[in-house]
Amino acid sequence: MAMALDMTAASELAVLRALERAGKRKVPRSERGRLDDVLPWEIYTHRPPVDPSDLDKVLANAWDLPAAVGFSEELISALDAYARTLLASGHAFNRDDLQRVLARL
């Protein structure tokens, strides 16, 4: 049970970090000041959704750390697909949705 909780928490951290990186890449520095009160991993929700053709760019290297600490390719692929769905739709992260993604693995 504890291992499952650890993997859920680690997966959540990895997704939130990927969303944070994507948001920072999507919002020009000149516009970040007005978003100071927004959580870093929610910045992308305050902009138009990411164009699917830009997803590779905004998520570049987002999964390097999870891979380095031993996340499986299957897990990284599932987390990446979830993050891409959020970014392309503009929807905010939802822990219950992530748990459903993880339950399919």
C-alpha atoms as a PDB file:
ATOM      1  CA  MET A   1       0.000   0.000   0.000  1.00  0.00           C
ATOM      2  CA  ALA A   2       2.766   2.450   0.923  1.00  0.00           C
ATOM      3  CA  MET A   3       4.563   1.748  -2.361  1.00  0.00           C
ATOM      4  CA  ALA A   4       1.392   2.582  -4.325  1.00  0.00           C
ATOM      5  CA  LEU A   5       1.011   5.845  -2.403  1.00  0.00           C
ATOM      6  CA  ASP A   6       4.662   6.692  -3.047  1.00  0.00           C
ATOM      7  CA  MET A   7       4.248   6.060  -6.783  1.00  0.00           C
ATOM      8  CA  THR A   8       1.090   8.179  -6.896  1.00  0.00           C
ATOM      9  CA  ALA A   9       2.805  11.042  -5.081  1.00  0.00           C
ATOM     10  CA  ALA A  10       5.921  10.768  -7.244  1.00  0.00           C
ATOM     11  CA  SER A  11       3.776  10.700 -10.389  1.00  0.00           C
ATOM     12  CA  GLU A  12       1.868  13.748  -9.219  1.00  0.00           C
ATOM     13  CA  LEU A  13       5.090  15.647  -8.604  1.00  0.00           C
ATOM     14  CA  ALA A  14       6.402  14.676 -12.044  1.00  0.00           C
ATOM     15  CA  VAL A  15       3.227  15.859 -13.797  1.00  0.00           C
ATOM     16  CA  LEU A  16       3.070  19.117 -11.840  1.00  0.00           C
ATOM     17  CA  ARG A  17       6.717  19.818 -12.667  1.00  0.00           C
ATOM     18  CA  ALA A  18       6.072  19.123 -16.370  1.00  0.00           C
ATOM     19  CA  LEU A  19       3.074  21.480 -16.320  1.00  0.00           C
ATOM     20  CA  GLU A  20       5.152  24.139 -14.551  1.00  0.00           C
ATOM     21  CA  ARG A  21       7.901  23.895 -17.172  1.00  0.00           C
ATOM     22  CA  ALA A  22       5.370  24.012 -19.998  1.00  0.00           C
ATOM     23  CA  GLY A  23       3.648  27.058 -18.527  1.00  0.00           C
ATOM     24  CA  LYS A  24       6.919  28.930 -18.192  1.00  0.00           C
ATOM     25  CA  ARG A  25       7.804  28.110 -21.777  1.00  0.00           C
ATOM     26  CA  LYS A  26       4.387  29.172 -23.023  1.00  0.00           C
ATOM     27  CA  VAL A  27       4.114  32.526 -21.237  1.00  0.00           C
ATOM     28  CA  PRO A  28       6.569  35.237 -22.279  1.00  0.00           C
ATOM     29  CA  ARG A  29       8.633  36.698 -19.423  1.00  0.00           C
ATOM     30  CA  SER A  30       7.037  40.076 -20.061  1.00  0.00           C
ATOM     31  CA  GLU A  31       3.621  38.652 -19.113  1.00  0.00           C
ATOM     32  CA  ARG A  32       4.624  36.549 -16.099  1.00  0.00           C
ATOM     33  CA  GLY A  33       4.389  39.463 -13.658  1.00  0.00           C
ATOM     34  CA  ARG A  34       0.618  39.560 -13.866  1.00  0.00           C
ATOM     35  CA  LEU A  35       0.562  35.851 -12.994  1.00  0.00           C
ATOM     36  CA  ASP A  36       2.614  36.142  -9.796  1.00  0.00           C
ATOM     37  CA  ASP A  37      -0.311  34.962  -7.669  1.00  0.00           C
ATOM     38  CA  VAL A  38      -0.874  31.873  -9.842  1.00  0.00           C
ATOM     39  CA  LEU A  39       0.656  28.554  -8.804  1.00  0.00           C
ATOM     40  CA  PRO A  40       3.524  27.758 -11.197  1.00  0.00           C
ATOM     41  CA  TRP A  41       1.922  24.514 -12.425  1.00  0.00           C
ATOM     42  CA  GLU A  42      -1.334  26.335 -13.210  1.00  0.00           C
ATOM     43  CA  ILE A  43       0.126  29.141 -15.328  1.00  0.00           C
ATOM     44  CA  TYR A  44      -0.833  27.321 -18.533  1.00  0.00           C
ATOM     45  CA  THR A  45      -4.514  27.459 -17.522  1.00  0.00           C
ATOM     46  CA  HIS A  46      -4.425  31.261 -17.768  1.00  0.00           C
ATOM     47  CA  ARG A  47      -3.492  31.209 -21.439  1.00  0.00           C
ATOM     48  CA  PRO A  48      -5.118  29.718 -24.526  1.00  0.00           C
ATOM     49  CA  PRO A  49      -4.597  25.940 -24.741  1.00  0.00           C
ATOM     50  CA  VAL A  50      -1.293  24.788 -26.185  1.00  0.00           C
ATOM     51  CA  ASP A  51      -1.470  24.019 -29.887  1.00  0.00           C
ATOM     52  CA  PRO A  52      -0.829  20.277 -30.355  1.00  0.00           C
ATOM     53  CA  SER A  53       2.065  21.104 -32.698  1.00  0.00           C
ATOM     54  CA  ASP A  54       3.802  22.923 -29.797  1.00  0.00           C
ATOM     55  CA  LEU A  55       3.468  20.184 -27.179  1.00  0.00           C
ATOM     56  CA  ASP A  56       6.868  18.626 -27.911  1.00  0.00           C
ATOM     57  CA  LYS A  57       8.491  22.036 -27.503  1.00  0.00           C
ATOM     58  CA  VAL A  58       6.833  22.985 -24.200  1.00  0.00           C
ATOM     59  CA  LEU A  59       7.421  19.507 -22.743  1.00  0.00           C
ATOM     60  CA  ALA A  60      11.028  19.171 -23.936  1.00  0.00           C
ATOM     61  CA  ASN A  61      13.115  17.401 -21.260  1.00  0.00           C
ATOM     62  CA  ALA A  62      10.150  17.355 -18.860  1.00  0.00           C
ATOM     63  CA  TRP A  63      10.539  13.629 -18.226  1.00  0.00           C
ATOM     64  CA  ASP A  64      14.330  13.467 -17.857  1.00  0.00           C
ATOM     65  CA  LEU A  65      14.274  13.473 -14.054  1.00  0.00           C
ATOM     66  CA  PRO A  66      11.525  10.837 -13.707  1.00  0.00           C
ATOM     67  CA  ALA A  67      13.477   8.652 -16.143  1.00  0.00           C
ATOM     68  CA  ALA A  68      16.691   9.214 -14.186  1.00  0.00           C
ATOM     69  CA  VAL A  69      15.099   8.057 -10.916  1.00  0.00           C
ATOM     70  CA  GLY A  70      13.701   4.907 -12.474  1.00  0.00           C
ATOM     71  CA  PHE A  71      10.188   5.609 -13.715  1.00  0.00           C
ATOM     72  CA  SER A  72       9.316   2.992 -16.317  1.00  0.00           C
ATOM     73  CA  GLU A  73       8.828   3.986 -19.945  1.00  0.00           C
ATOM     74  CA  GLU A  74       5.192   2.881 -19.628  1.00  0.00           C
ATOM     75  CA  LEU A  75       4.618   5.190 -16.663  1.00  0.00           C
ATOM     76  CA  ILE A  76       6.378   8.132 -18.298  1.00  0.00           C
ATOM     77  CA  SER A  77       4.353   7.605 -21.455  1.00  0.00           C
ATOM     78  CA  ALA A  78       1.088   7.616 -19.463  1.00  0.00           C
ATOM     79  CA  LEU A  79       2.100  10.752 -17.522  1.00  0.00           C
ATOM     80  CA  ASP A  80       3.182  12.480 -20.721  1.00  0.00           C
ATOM     81  CA  ALA A  81      -0.134  11.665 -22.404  1.00  0.00           C
ATOM     82  CA  TYR A  82      -2.024  13.025 -19.394  1.00  0.00           C
ATOM     83  CA  ALA A  83       0.039  16.244 -19.315  1.00  0.00           C
ATOM     84  CA  ARG A  84      -0.434  16.713 -23.069  1.00  0.00           C
ATOM     85  CA  THR A  85      -4.197  16.319 -22.671  1.00  0.00           C
ATOM     86  CA  LEU A  86      -4.269  18.996 -19.971  1.00  0.00           C
ATOM     87  CA  LEU A  87      -2.103  21.416 -21.919  1.00  0.00           C
ATOM     88  CA  ALA A  88      -4.020  20.970 -25.179  1.00  0.00           C
ATOM     89  CA  SER A  89      -7.385  21.365 -23.454  1.00  0.00           C
ATOM     90  CA  GLY A  90      -6.434  24.061 -20.951  1.00  0.00           C
ATOM     91  CA  HIS A  91      -7.879  22.021 -18.093  1.00  0.00           C
ATOM     92  CA  ALA A  92      -6.222  22.138 -14.688  1.00  0.00           C
ATOM     93  CA  PHE A  93      -4.516  19.186 -13.030  1.00  0.00           C
ATOM     94  CA  ASN A  94      -6.865  16.908 -11.107  1.00  0.00           C
ATOM     95  CA  ARG A  95      -5.550  14.292  -8.681  1.00  0.00           C
ATOM     96  CA  ASP A  96      -8.524  11.974  -9.246  1.00  0.00           C
ATOM     97  CA  ASP A  97      -7.934  12.038 -13.005  1.00  0.00           C
ATOM     98  CA  LEU A  98      -4.271  11.182 -12.478  1.00  0.00           C
ATOM     99  CA  GLN A  99      -5.240   8.278 -10.230  1.00  0.00           C
ATOM    100  CA  ARG A 100      -7.500   6.948 -12.999  1.00  0.00           C
ATOM    101  CA  VAL A 101      -4.562   7.179 -15.427  1.00  0.00           C
ATOM    102  CA  LEU A 102      -2.348   5.278 -13.004  1.00  0.00           C
ATOM    103  CA  ALA A 103      -5.012   2.635 -12.359  1.00  0.00           C
ATOM    104  CA  ARG A 104      -4.927   1.701 -16.068  1.00  0.00           C
ATOM    105  CA  LEU A 105      -1.246   0.716 -15.841  1.00  0.00           C
END
